[in-house]
Amino acid sequence: MTKRRFAWLLALFVFLPAAGVAGYYRLAPLLWYWRGIPADAPGSLRLAEYRVTLEARPIEGLAANASALTYNWRTDTLFTTTNRPPRIVELTRDGEVVRALPVDGIDDLEGITHIDGALFAIIDERKQRIHRVAIEADTARVDVKDAPCLGLDILQNGNLGLEGITWDERRHRLFVAKEKNPRVFEIDGLTPLMDGGKMNLLIREWQPRQPFRHFLRDLSSLSRDDRTGHLLLLSDESRLLAEYGADGELLGLMPLWRGFHGLAANVPQAEGVAVGRDGTIYLISEPNLFYRFER
């Protein structure tokens, strides 16, 4: 066998399996997407009906590393994070910077969720710690050194661990997402514990009815819709947003691909998702692009 022929055969052995995997992760969600929403899915967000109304707007004053997104019902604003340097950034619903707060005492700031009032939870991905912090209207800097925290070293894997976090207002629990080999965990009993009450902490894995591997190659963020109780899971590698019901049933998909939902181009690196009070969906794409989708 000539060297040239061997090189072609080697390329085929490498390319065909990779193309098969890539094709599967496109074909499977497309088939589900075109099938439509199950008839017995009351209260679904109906992701198929959303259209982009603000696409790929650069966030002025935010040069890079935007990751995570959460909506604050009290202020009607959004919050995102950067990790180099660590900052919490407040945004308007149009993606304009309101303020940027330096964060001290954290190595790898990746996730943020609004809990209640001035309280937020943030993630240190590298150390696998969840910190509770307060952000008031006059807060100019955040320090986690003395903030209550919870460590989850069971998921320790460098910077490929906890990537997303969201608060379930209905049942007062946290959901956290593991990025690679995607998994979602529920953390119950935090509120009494952090308020000095009885310790009754419970951590368990949340299981969807359809395994993630059918649609989502990774998890970059997640968000809880308090109106429906449904969970939105965001995948950067698959460029997909998925809606799951309270029972783990897949209720909807939103491909973040050119030509879908009015998008003129693929969403390049989706890193954060949040749902507003009226059901508007907001996305952050690293390094600093802002998206808004409305029904």
C-alpha atoms as a PDB file:
ATOM      1  CA  MET A   1       0.000   0.000   0.000  1.00  0.00           C
ATOM      2  CA  THR A   2       1.392   3.384  -0.972  1.00  0.00           C
ATOM      3  CA  LYS A   3       1.849   6.077   1.635  1.00  0.00           C
ATOM      4  CA  ARG A   4      -0.723   8.249  -0.147  1.00  0.00           C
ATOM      5  CA  ARG A   5      -3.390   5.522  -0.115  1.00  0.00           C
ATOM      6  CA  PHE A   6      -2.669   4.756   3.521  1.00  0.00           C
ATOM      7  CA  ALA A   7      -3.093   8.433   4.374  1.00  0.00           C
ATOM      8  CA  TRP A   8      -6.512   8.480   2.621  1.00  0.00           C
ATOM      9  CA  LEU A   9      -7.686   5.376   4.460  1.00  0.00           C
ATOM     10  CA  LEU A  10      -6.514   6.770   7.778  1.00  0.00           C
ATOM     11  CA  ALA A  11      -8.368  10.009   7.076  1.00  0.00           C
ATOM     12  CA  LEU A  12     -11.577   8.064   6.319  1.00  0.00           C
ATOM     13  CA  PHE A  13     -11.323   6.057   9.539  1.00  0.00           C
ATOM     14  CA  VAL A  14     -10.973   9.300  11.474  1.00  0.00           C
ATOM     15  CA  PHE A  15     -13.483  11.400   9.527  1.00  0.00           C
ATOM     16  CA  LEU A  16     -16.414   9.021   9.105  1.00  0.00           C
ATOM     17  CA  PRO A  17     -17.011   8.264  12.812  1.00  0.00           C
ATOM     18  CA  ALA A  18     -16.625  11.947  13.648  1.00  0.00           C
ATOM     19  CA  ALA A  19     -19.062  12.889  10.875  1.00  0.00           C
ATOM     20  CA  GLY A  20     -21.476  10.235  12.141  1.00  0.00           C
ATOM     21  CA  VAL A  21     -21.419  11.649  15.666  1.00  0.00           C
ATOM     22  CA  ALA A  22     -21.816  15.210  14.413  1.00  0.00           C
ATOM     23  CA  GLY A  23     -24.660  14.135  12.122  1.00  0.00           C
ATOM     24  CA  TYR A  24     -26.450  12.304  14.921  1.00  0.00           C
ATOM     25  CA  TYR A  25     -26.350  15.353  17.179  1.00  0.00           C
ATOM     26  CA  ARG A  26     -28.002  17.334  14.393  1.00  0.00           C
ATOM     27  CA  LEU A  27     -30.439  14.712  13.111  1.00  0.00           C
ATOM     28  CA  ALA A  28     -31.847  13.563  16.479  1.00  0.00           C
ATOM     29  CA  PRO A  29     -32.915  17.050  17.658  1.00  0.00           C
ATOM     30  CA  LEU A  30     -34.227  17.918  14.184  1.00  0.00           C
ATOM     31  CA  LEU A  31     -36.473  14.863  14.109  1.00  0.00           C
ATOM     32  CA  TRP A  32     -37.776  15.679  17.574  1.00  0.00           C
ATOM     33  CA  TYR A  33     -38.147  19.369  16.666  1.00  0.00           C
ATOM     34  CA  TRP A  34     -40.193  18.641  13.562  1.00  0.00           C
ATOM     35  CA  ARG A  35     -42.313  16.113  15.432  1.00  0.00           C
ATOM     36  CA  GLY A  36     -43.606  18.924  17.599  1.00  0.00           C
ATOM     37  CA  ILE A  37     -44.634  19.313  21.221  1.00  0.00           C
ATOM     38  CA  PRO A  38     -46.402  16.388  22.892  1.00  0.00           C
ATOM     39  CA  ALA A  39     -50.153  16.927  23.072  1.00  0.00           C
ATOM     40  CA  ASP A  40     -50.088  16.246  26.809  1.00  0.00           C
ATOM     41  CA  ALA A  41     -47.611  19.037  27.603  1.00  0.00           C
ATOM     42  CA  PRO A  42     -49.716  21.710  29.333  1.00  0.00           C
ATOM     43  CA  GLY A  43     -47.948  24.915  30.304  1.00  0.00           C
ATOM     44  CA  SER A  44     -45.018  24.448  27.928  1.00  0.00           C
ATOM     45  CA  LEU A  45     -43.071  27.563  26.935  1.00  0.00           C
ATOM     46  CA  ARG A  46     -43.549  26.420  23.311  1.00  0.00           C
ATOM     47  CA  LEU A  47     -39.983  27.164  22.279  1.00  0.00           C
ATOM     48  CA  ALA A  48     -40.815  26.577  18.609  1.00  0.00           C
ATOM     49  CA  GLU A  49     -42.849  29.814  18.621  1.00  0.00           C
ATOM     50  CA  TYR A  50     -39.963  32.035  19.776  1.00  0.00           C
ATOM     51  CA  ARG A  51     -38.189  34.415  17.395  1.00  0.00           C
ATOM     52  CA  VAL A  52     -35.019  36.405  17.929  1.00  0.00           C
ATOM     53  CA  THR A  53     -35.730  40.129  18.454  1.00  0.00           C
ATOM     54  CA  LEU A  54     -32.206  41.180  19.428  1.00  0.00           C
ATOM     55  CA  GLU A  55     -29.374  39.219  17.811  1.00  0.00           C
ATOM     56  CA  ALA A  56     -25.676  39.120  18.631  1.00  0.00           C
ATOM     57  CA  ARG A  57     -25.549  42.596  20.144  1.00  0.00           C
ATOM     58  CA  PRO A  58     -22.021  43.258  21.494  1.00  0.00           C
ATOM     59  CA  ILE A  59     -22.157  44.261  25.154  1.00  0.00           C
ATOM     60  CA  GLU A  60     -20.323  47.571  25.268  1.00  0.00           C
ATOM     61  CA  GLY A  61     -17.820  47.730  28.110  1.00  0.00           C
ATOM     62  CA  LEU A  62     -17.625  43.949  28.376  1.00  0.00           C
ATOM     63  CA  ALA A  63     -14.668  42.823  26.293  1.00  0.00           C
ATOM     64  CA  ALA A  64     -14.589  39.072  26.970  1.00  0.00           C
ATOM     65  CA  ASN A  65     -15.476  36.018  29.056  1.00  0.00           C
ATOM     66  CA  ALA A  66     -19.192  36.677  29.609  1.00  0.00           C
ATOM     67  CA  SER A  67     -20.617  33.521  31.145  1.00  0.00           C
ATOM     68  CA  ALA A  68     -23.895  32.668  32.900  1.00  0.00           C
ATOM     69  CA  LEU A  69     -27.060  34.727  33.122  1.00  0.00           C
ATOM     70  CA  THR A  70     -29.830  35.242  35.655  1.00  0.00           C
ATOM     71  CA  TYR A  71     -32.906  37.444  35.833  1.00  0.00           C
ATOM     72  CA  ASN A  72     -33.740  39.507  38.935  1.00  0.00           C
ATOM     73  CA  TRP A  73     -37.500  39.954  39.277  1.00  0.00           C
ATOM     74  CA  ARG A  74     -37.059  42.705  41.863  1.00  0.00           C
ATOM     75  CA  THR A  75     -34.912  44.995  39.694  1.00  0.00           C
ATOM     76  CA  ASP A  76     -36.129  43.763  36.277  1.00  0.00           C
ATOM     77  CA  THR A  77     -32.492  43.449  35.207  1.00  0.00           C
ATOM     78  CA  LEU A  78     -30.101  40.648  34.283  1.00  0.00           C
ATOM     79  CA  PHE A  79     -26.808  39.605  35.853  1.00  0.00           C
ATOM     80  CA  THR A  80     -23.881  37.881  34.156  1.00  0.00           C
ATOM     81  CA  THR A  81     -20.305  37.071  35.187  1.00  0.00           C
ATOM     82  CA  THR A  82     -16.765  37.253  33.847  1.00  0.00           C
ATOM     83  CA  ASN A  83     -13.837  35.275  35.222  1.00  0.00           C
ATOM     84  CA  ARG A  84     -10.811  37.232  33.983  1.00  0.00           C
ATOM     85  CA  PRO A  85     -11.069  39.388  36.019  1.00  0.00           C
ATOM     86  CA  PRO A  86     -13.848  37.999  38.284  1.00  0.00           C
ATOM     87  CA  ARG A  87     -16.798  40.369  38.026  1.00  0.00           C
ATOM     88  CA  ILE A  88     -20.567  40.342  38.364  1.00  0.00           C
ATOM     89  CA  VAL A  89     -22.130  42.541  35.692  1.00  0.00           C
ATOM     90  CA  GLU A  90     -25.670  43.911  35.823  1.00  0.00           C
ATOM     91  CA  LEU A  91     -27.387  44.385  32.448  1.00  0.00           C
ATOM     92  CA  THR A  92     -30.585  45.929  31.165  1.00  0.00           C
ATOM     93  CA  ARG A  93     -33.006  43.736  29.211  1.00  0.00           C
ATOM     94  CA  ASP A  94     -31.440  45.256  26.067  1.00  0.00           C
ATOM     95  CA  GLY A  95     -27.976  44.062  27.025  1.00  0.00           C
ATOM     96  CA  GLU A  96     -26.575  47.396  28.231  1.00  0.00           C
ATOM     97  CA  VAL A  97     -24.192  47.461  31.192  1.00  0.00           C
ATOM     98  CA  VAL A  98     -25.637  49.017  34.354  1.00  0.00           C
ATOM     99  CA  ARG A  99     -22.615  48.324  36.581  1.00  0.00           C
ATOM    100  CA  ALA A 100     -19.707  45.911  36.948  1.00  0.00           C
ATOM    101  CA  LEU A 101     -18.814  44.642  40.429  1.00  0.00           C
ATOM    102  CA  PRO A 102     -15.334  43.176  41.118  1.00  0.00           C
ATOM    103  CA  VAL A 103     -15.487  39.900  43.068  1.00  0.00           C
ATOM    104  CA  ASP A 104     -12.751  39.154  45.627  1.00  0.00           C
ATOM    105  CA  GLY A 105     -11.824  35.728  46.987  1.00  0.00           C
ATOM    106  CA  ILE A 106     -12.858  33.625  43.982  1.00  0.00           C
ATOM    107  CA  ASP A 107     -10.656  31.884  41.405  1.00  0.00           C
ATOM    108  CA  ASP A 108     -12.938  30.889  38.525  1.00  0.00           C
ATOM    109  CA  LEU A 109     -16.299  32.667  38.552  1.00  0.00           C
ATOM    110  CA  GLU A 110     -18.666  30.835  36.186  1.00  0.00           C
ATOM    111  CA  GLY A 111     -22.287  30.741  37.351  1.00  0.00           C
ATOM    112  CA  ILE A 112     -24.806  33.037  39.012  1.00  0.00           C
ATOM    113  CA  THR A 113     -28.465  32.817  40.017  1.00  0.00           C
ATOM    114  CA  HIS A 114     -30.775  35.242  41.797  1.00  0.00           C
ATOM    115  CA  ILE A 115     -32.361  33.745  44.916  1.00  0.00           C
ATOM    116  CA  ASP A 116     -34.486  36.403  46.596  1.00  0.00           C
ATOM    117  CA  GLY A 117     -34.229  40.104  47.352  1.00  0.00           C
ATOM    118  CA  ALA A 118     -30.531  40.987  47.313  1.00  0.00           C
ATOM    119  CA  LEU A 119     -29.350  37.382  47.624  1.00  0.00           C
ATOM    120  CA  PHE A 120     -27.532  35.545  44.841  1.00  0.00           C
ATOM    121  CA  ALA A 121     -25.575  32.306  44.544  1.00  0.00           C
ATOM    122  CA  ILE A 122     -22.385  32.174  42.488  1.00  0.00           C
ATOM    123  CA  ILE A 123     -20.085  29.303  41.426  1.00  0.00           C
ATOM    124  CA  ASP A 124     -16.322  28.955  41.681  1.00  0.00           C
ATOM    125  CA  GLU A 125     -15.909  26.296  38.990  1.00  0.00           C
ATOM    126  CA  ARG A 126     -12.310  25.355  39.697  1.00  0.00           C
ATOM    127  CA  LYS A 127     -12.864  24.903  43.448  1.00  0.00           C
ATOM    128  CA  GLN A 128     -16.388  23.498  42.960  1.00  0.00           C
ATOM    129  CA  ARG A 129     -17.877  25.860  45.535  1.00  0.00           C
ATOM    130  CA  ILE A 130     -21.212  27.644  45.664  1.00  0.00           C
ATOM    131  CA  HIS A 131     -21.154  30.979  47.529  1.00  0.00           C
ATOM    132  CA  ARG A 132     -24.148  32.968  48.720  1.00  0.00           C
ATOM    133  CA  VAL A 133     -23.625  36.726  48.300  1.00  0.00           C
ATOM    134  CA  ALA A 134     -25.667  39.899  48.688  1.00  0.00           C
ATOM    135  CA  ILE A 135     -25.865  42.526  45.939  1.00  0.00           C
ATOM    136  CA  GLU A 136     -27.668  45.664  47.048  1.00  0.00           C
ATOM    137  CA  ALA A 137     -28.458  48.722  44.950  1.00  0.00           C
ATOM    138  CA  ASP A 138     -25.385  50.464  46.369  1.00  0.00           C
ATOM    139  CA  THR A 139     -23.011  47.463  46.293  1.00  0.00           C
ATOM    140  CA  ALA A 140     -19.745  48.389  44.552  1.00  0.00           C
ATOM    141  CA  ARG A 141     -17.679  45.267  45.298  1.00  0.00           C
ATOM    142  CA  VAL A 142     -18.408  41.659  46.314  1.00  0.00           C
ATOM    143  CA  ASP A 143     -16.180  39.674  48.684  1.00  0.00           C
ATOM    144  CA  VAL A 144     -16.815  35.949  49.163  1.00  0.00           C
ATOM    145  CA  LYS A 145     -14.169  35.453  51.855  1.00  0.00           C
ATOM    146  CA  ASP A 146     -16.703  35.342  54.681  1.00  0.00           C
ATOM    147  CA  ALA A 147     -19.736  34.377  52.574  1.00  0.00           C
ATOM    148  CA  PRO A 148     -21.557  31.087  53.315  1.00  0.00           C
ATOM    149  CA  CYS A 149     -20.481  28.427  50.845  1.00  0.00           C
ATOM    150  CA  LEU A 150     -21.076  24.811  49.901  1.00  0.00           C
ATOM    151  CA  GLY A 151     -18.330  22.621  48.402  1.00  0.00           C
ATOM    152  CA  LEU A 152     -19.057  19.812  45.942  1.00  0.00           C
ATOM    153  CA  ASP A 153     -15.674  18.158  45.503  1.00  0.00           C
ATOM    154  CA  ILE A 154     -17.375  15.001  44.262  1.00  0.00           C
ATOM    155  CA  LEU A 155     -17.465  16.657  40.850  1.00  0.00           C
ATOM    156  CA  GLN A 156     -13.878  17.898  40.905  1.00  0.00           C
ATOM    157  CA  ASN A 157     -12.461  17.960  37.378  1.00  0.00           C
ATOM    158  CA  GLY A 158     -10.347  21.054  36.854  1.00  0.00           C
ATOM    159  CA  ASN A 159     -12.360  23.645  34.985  1.00  0.00           C
ATOM    160  CA  LEU A 160     -14.803  21.095  33.551  1.00  0.00           C
ATOM    161  CA  GLY A 161     -17.015  20.813  36.609  1.00  0.00           C
ATOM    162  CA  LEU A 162     -19.970  22.925  37.740  1.00  0.00           C
ATOM    163  CA  GLU A 163     -20.888  25.270  34.924  1.00  0.00           C
ATOM    164  CA  GLY A 164     -24.437  26.436  35.600  1.00  0.00           C
ATOM    165  CA  ILE A 165     -26.704  27.185  38.540  1.00  0.00           C
ATOM    166  CA  THR A 166     -30.347  28.186  38.974  1.00  0.00           C
ATOM    167  CA  TRP A 167     -32.728  28.684  41.893  1.00  0.00           C
ATOM    168  CA  ASP A 168     -36.122  26.998  42.152  1.00  0.00           C
ATOM    169  CA  GLU A 169     -38.313  29.579  43.873  1.00  0.00           C
ATOM    170  CA  ARG A 170     -41.241  27.178  44.265  1.00  0.00           C
ATOM    171  CA  ARG A 171     -39.394  24.569  46.306  1.00  0.00           C
ATOM    172  CA  HIS A 172     -36.420  26.605  47.557  1.00  0.00           C
ATOM    173  CA  ARG A 173     -33.713  24.441  46.032  1.00  0.00           C
ATOM    174  CA  LEU A 174     -30.732  24.856  43.738  1.00  0.00           C
ATOM    175  CA  PHE A 175     -30.057  23.095  40.461  1.00  0.00           C
ATOM    176  CA  VAL A 176     -26.449  22.875  39.314  1.00  0.00           C
ATOM    177  CA  ALA A 177     -25.142  21.565  35.993  1.00  0.00           C
ATOM    178  CA  LYS A 178     -21.963  19.638  35.235  1.00  0.00           C
ATOM    179  CA  GLU A 179     -20.510  20.707  31.890  1.00  0.00           C
ATOM    180  CA  LYS A 180     -18.925  17.636  30.276  1.00  0.00           C
ATOM    181  CA  ASN A 181     -20.727  14.273  30.337  1.00  0.00           C
ATOM    182  CA  PRO A 182     -23.686  16.449  31.325  1.00  0.00           C
ATOM    183  CA  ARG A 183     -25.456  15.900  34.612  1.00  0.00           C
ATOM    184  CA  VAL A 184     -27.820  18.004  36.732  1.00  0.00           C
ATOM    185  CA  PHE A 185     -28.001  17.916  40.535  1.00  0.00           C
ATOM    186  CA  GLU A 186     -30.654  19.192  42.955  1.00  0.00           C
ATOM    187  CA  ILE A 187     -29.614  20.632  46.314  1.00  0.00           C
ATOM    188  CA  ASP A 188     -32.404  20.785  48.902  1.00  0.00           C
ATOM    189  CA  GLY A 189     -32.372  22.175  52.438  1.00  0.00           C
ATOM    190  CA  LEU A 190     -30.060  25.148  51.866  1.00  0.00           C
ATOM    191  CA  THR A 191     -32.345  27.887  53.165  1.00  0.00           C
ATOM    192  CA  PRO A 192     -32.790  26.555  56.733  1.00  0.00           C
ATOM    193  CA  LEU A 193     -29.105  25.626  56.894  1.00  0.00           C
ATOM    194  CA  MET A 194     -27.822  29.039  55.835  1.00  0.00           C
ATOM    195  CA  ASP A 195     -30.320  30.765  58.140  1.00  0.00           C
ATOM    196  CA  GLY A 196     -28.911  28.864  61.107  1.00  0.00           C
ATOM    197  CA  GLY A 197     -31.729  26.342  61.275  1.00  0.00           C
ATOM    198  CA  LYS A 198     -31.761  22.556  61.389  1.00  0.00           C
ATOM    199  CA  MET A 199     -29.398  20.789  59.033  1.00  0.00           C
ATOM    200  CA  ASN A 200     -31.342  18.696  56.533  1.00  0.00           C
ATOM    201  CA  LEU A 201     -29.267  18.945  53.365  1.00  0.00           C
ATOM    202  CA  LEU A 202     -30.068  16.614  50.467  1.00  0.00           C
ATOM    203  CA  ILE A 203     -28.124  16.353  47.193  1.00  0.00           C
ATOM    204  CA  ARG A 204     -29.443  14.100  44.448  1.00  0.00           C
ATOM    205  CA  GLU A 205     -29.121  13.770  40.709  1.00  0.00           C
ATOM    206  CA  TRP A 206     -31.980  15.082  38.594  1.00  0.00           C
ATOM    207  CA  GLN A 207     -32.814  12.610  35.851  1.00  0.00           C
ATOM    208  CA  PRO A 208     -34.584  13.514  32.598  1.00  0.00           C
ATOM    209  CA  ARG A 209     -36.740  10.882  30.929  1.00  0.00           C
ATOM    210  CA  GLN A 210     -34.686  11.151  27.726  1.00  0.00           C
ATOM    211  CA  PRO A 211     -30.930  10.895  28.401  1.00  0.00           C
ATOM    212  CA  PHE A 212     -28.978  14.069  27.677  1.00  0.00           C
ATOM    213  CA  ARG A 213     -26.735  12.233  25.248  1.00  0.00           C
ATOM    214  CA  HIS A 214     -29.608  12.066  22.741  1.00  0.00           C
ATOM    215  CA  PHE A 215     -29.516  15.829  22.240  1.00  0.00           C
ATOM    216  CA  LEU A 216     -27.014  17.716  24.422  1.00  0.00           C
ATOM    217  CA  ARG A 217     -23.287  17.101  24.132  1.00  0.00           C
ATOM    218  CA  ASP A 218     -22.535  19.398  27.069  1.00  0.00           C
ATOM    219  CA  LEU A 219     -24.282  21.783  29.477  1.00  0.00           C
ATOM    220  CA  SER A 220     -23.121  25.387  29.595  1.00  0.00           C
ATOM    221  CA  SER A 221     -26.020  26.846  31.597  1.00  0.00           C
ATOM    222  CA  LEU A 222     -29.505  26.216  32.970  1.00  0.00           C
ATOM    223  CA  SER A 223     -32.450  28.289  34.143  1.00  0.00           C
ATOM    224  CA  ARG A 224     -35.653  27.606  36.061  1.00  0.00           C
ATOM    225  CA  ASP A 225     -38.843  29.245  34.797  1.00  0.00           C
ATOM    226  CA  ASP A 226     -40.722  30.120  37.979  1.00  0.00           C
ATOM    227  CA  ARG A 227     -44.043  30.552  36.139  1.00  0.00           C
ATOM    228  CA  THR A 228     -44.148  26.972  34.854  1.00  0.00           C
ATOM    229  CA  GLY A 229     -41.619  25.206  37.086  1.00  0.00           C
ATOM    230  CA  HIS A 230     -39.835  23.981  33.960  1.00  0.00           C
ATOM    231  CA  LEU A 231     -36.086  23.676  33.490  1.00  0.00           C
ATOM    232  CA  LEU A 232     -34.216  25.163  30.530  1.00  0.00           C
ATOM    233  CA  LEU A 233     -30.904  23.495  29.662  1.00  0.00           C
ATOM    234  CA  LEU A 234     -28.398  25.173  27.346  1.00  0.00           C
ATOM    235  CA  SER A 235     -25.715  23.362  25.336  1.00  0.00           C
ATOM    236  CA  ASP A 236     -22.870  25.276  23.732  1.00  0.00           C
ATOM    237  CA  GLU A 237     -21.479  22.358  21.698  1.00  0.00           C
ATOM    238  CA  SER A 238     -24.905  21.271  20.396  1.00  0.00           C
ATOM    239  CA  ARG A 239     -26.142  24.862  20.020  1.00  0.00           C
ATOM    240  CA  LEU A 240     -29.469  23.862  21.546  1.00  0.00           C
ATOM    241  CA  LEU A 241     -31.832  25.097  24.231  1.00  0.00           C
ATOM    242  CA  ALA A 242     -34.045  22.364  25.723  1.00  0.00           C
ATOM    243  CA  GLU A 243     -37.140  22.680  27.935  1.00  0.00           C
ATOM    244  CA  TYR A 244     -37.890  19.936  30.461  1.00  0.00           C
ATOM    245  CA  GLY A 245     -41.047  19.620  32.542  1.00  0.00           C
ATOM    246  CA  ALA A 246     -41.160  19.053  36.294  1.00  0.00           C
ATOM    247  CA  ASP A 247     -41.312  15.297  35.666  1.00  0.00           C
ATOM    248  CA  GLY A 248     -38.221  15.329  33.432  1.00  0.00           C
ATOM    249  CA  GLU A 249     -40.178  15.071  30.174  1.00  0.00           C
ATOM    250  CA  LEU A 250     -38.596  16.849  27.188  1.00  0.00           C
ATOM    251  CA  LEU A 251     -41.128  19.496  26.121  1.00  0.00           C
ATOM    252  CA  GLY A 252     -39.316  21.599  23.564  1.00  0.00           C
ATOM    253  CA  LEU A 253     -36.113  22.349  21.682  1.00  0.00           C
ATOM    254  CA  MET A 254     -34.763  25.599  20.268  1.00  0.00           C
ATOM    255  CA  PRO A 255     -31.920  25.083  17.758  1.00  0.00           C
ATOM    256  CA  LEU A 256     -29.554  28.039  17.931  1.00  0.00           C
ATOM    257  CA  TRP A 257     -28.593  27.527  14.299  1.00  0.00           C
ATOM    258  CA  ARG A 258     -28.698  29.920  11.358  1.00  0.00           C
ATOM    259  CA  GLY A 259     -32.152  29.977   9.782  1.00  0.00           C
ATOM    260  CA  PHE A 260     -33.965  28.792  12.915  1.00  0.00           C
ATOM    261  CA  HIS A 261     -36.081  31.210  14.993  1.00  0.00           C
ATOM    262  CA  GLY A 262     -35.055  34.115  12.765  1.00  0.00           C
ATOM    263  CA  LEU A 263     -31.321  33.781  13.425  1.00  0.00           C
ATOM    264  CA  ALA A 264     -29.088  35.198  10.688  1.00  0.00           C
ATOM    265  CA  ALA A 265     -26.113  33.184  12.000  1.00  0.00           C
ATOM    266  CA  ASN A 266     -25.350  30.419  14.489  1.00  0.00           C
ATOM    267  CA  VAL A 267     -25.060  31.458  18.120  1.00  0.00           C
ATOM    268  CA  PRO A 268     -21.283  30.950  18.386  1.00  0.00           C
ATOM    269  CA  GLN A 269     -20.718  30.034  22.051  1.00  0.00           C
ATOM    270  CA  ALA A 270     -23.877  30.047  24.161  1.00  0.00           C
ATOM    271  CA  GLU A 271     -22.895  30.329  27.830  1.00  0.00           C
ATOM    272  CA  GLY A 272     -25.892  31.696  29.715  1.00  0.00           C
ATOM    273  CA  VAL A 273     -29.699  31.621  29.641  1.00  0.00           C
ATOM    274  CA  ALA A 274     -32.399  33.363  31.675  1.00  0.00           C
ATOM    275  CA  VAL A 275     -36.184  33.748  31.499  1.00  0.00           C
ATOM    276  CA  GLY A 276     -37.844  37.092  32.206  1.00  0.00           C
ATOM    277  CA  ARG A 277     -41.118  37.704  34.012  1.00  0.00           C
ATOM    278  CA  ASP A 278     -43.053  37.764  30.722  1.00  0.00           C
ATOM    279  CA  GLY A 279     -41.427  34.614  29.322  1.00  0.00           C
ATOM    280  CA  THR A 280     -38.811  36.449  27.258  1.00  0.00           C
ATOM    281  CA  ILE A 281     -35.675  34.320  26.888  1.00  0.00           C
ATOM    282  CA  TYR A 282     -32.244  35.946  27.095  1.00  0.00           C
ATOM    283  CA  LEU A 283     -28.940  34.406  26.008  1.00  0.00           C
ATOM    284  CA  ILE A 284     -25.299  35.319  26.519  1.00  0.00           C
ATOM    285  CA  SER A 285     -22.694  34.085  24.044  1.00  0.00           C
ATOM    286  CA  GLU A 286     -19.021  34.309  24.954  1.00  0.00           C
ATOM    287  CA  PRO A 287     -17.165  36.581  24.648  1.00  0.00           C
ATOM    288  CA  ASN A 288     -19.781  39.348  24.816  1.00  0.00           C
ATOM    289  CA  LEU A 289     -22.830  38.821  22.594  1.00  0.00           C
ATOM    290  CA  PHE A 290     -26.400  39.354  23.830  1.00  0.00           C
ATOM    291  CA  TYR A 291     -29.569  37.745  22.420  1.00  0.00           C
ATOM    292  CA  ARG A 292     -33.272  38.170  23.171  1.00  0.00           C
ATOM    293  CA  PHE A 293     -36.034  35.790  22.021  1.00  0.00           C
ATOM    294  CA  GLU A 294     -39.750  36.509  22.305  1.00  0.00           C
ATOM    295  CA  ARG A 295     -42.915  34.600  21.364  1.00  0.00           C
END
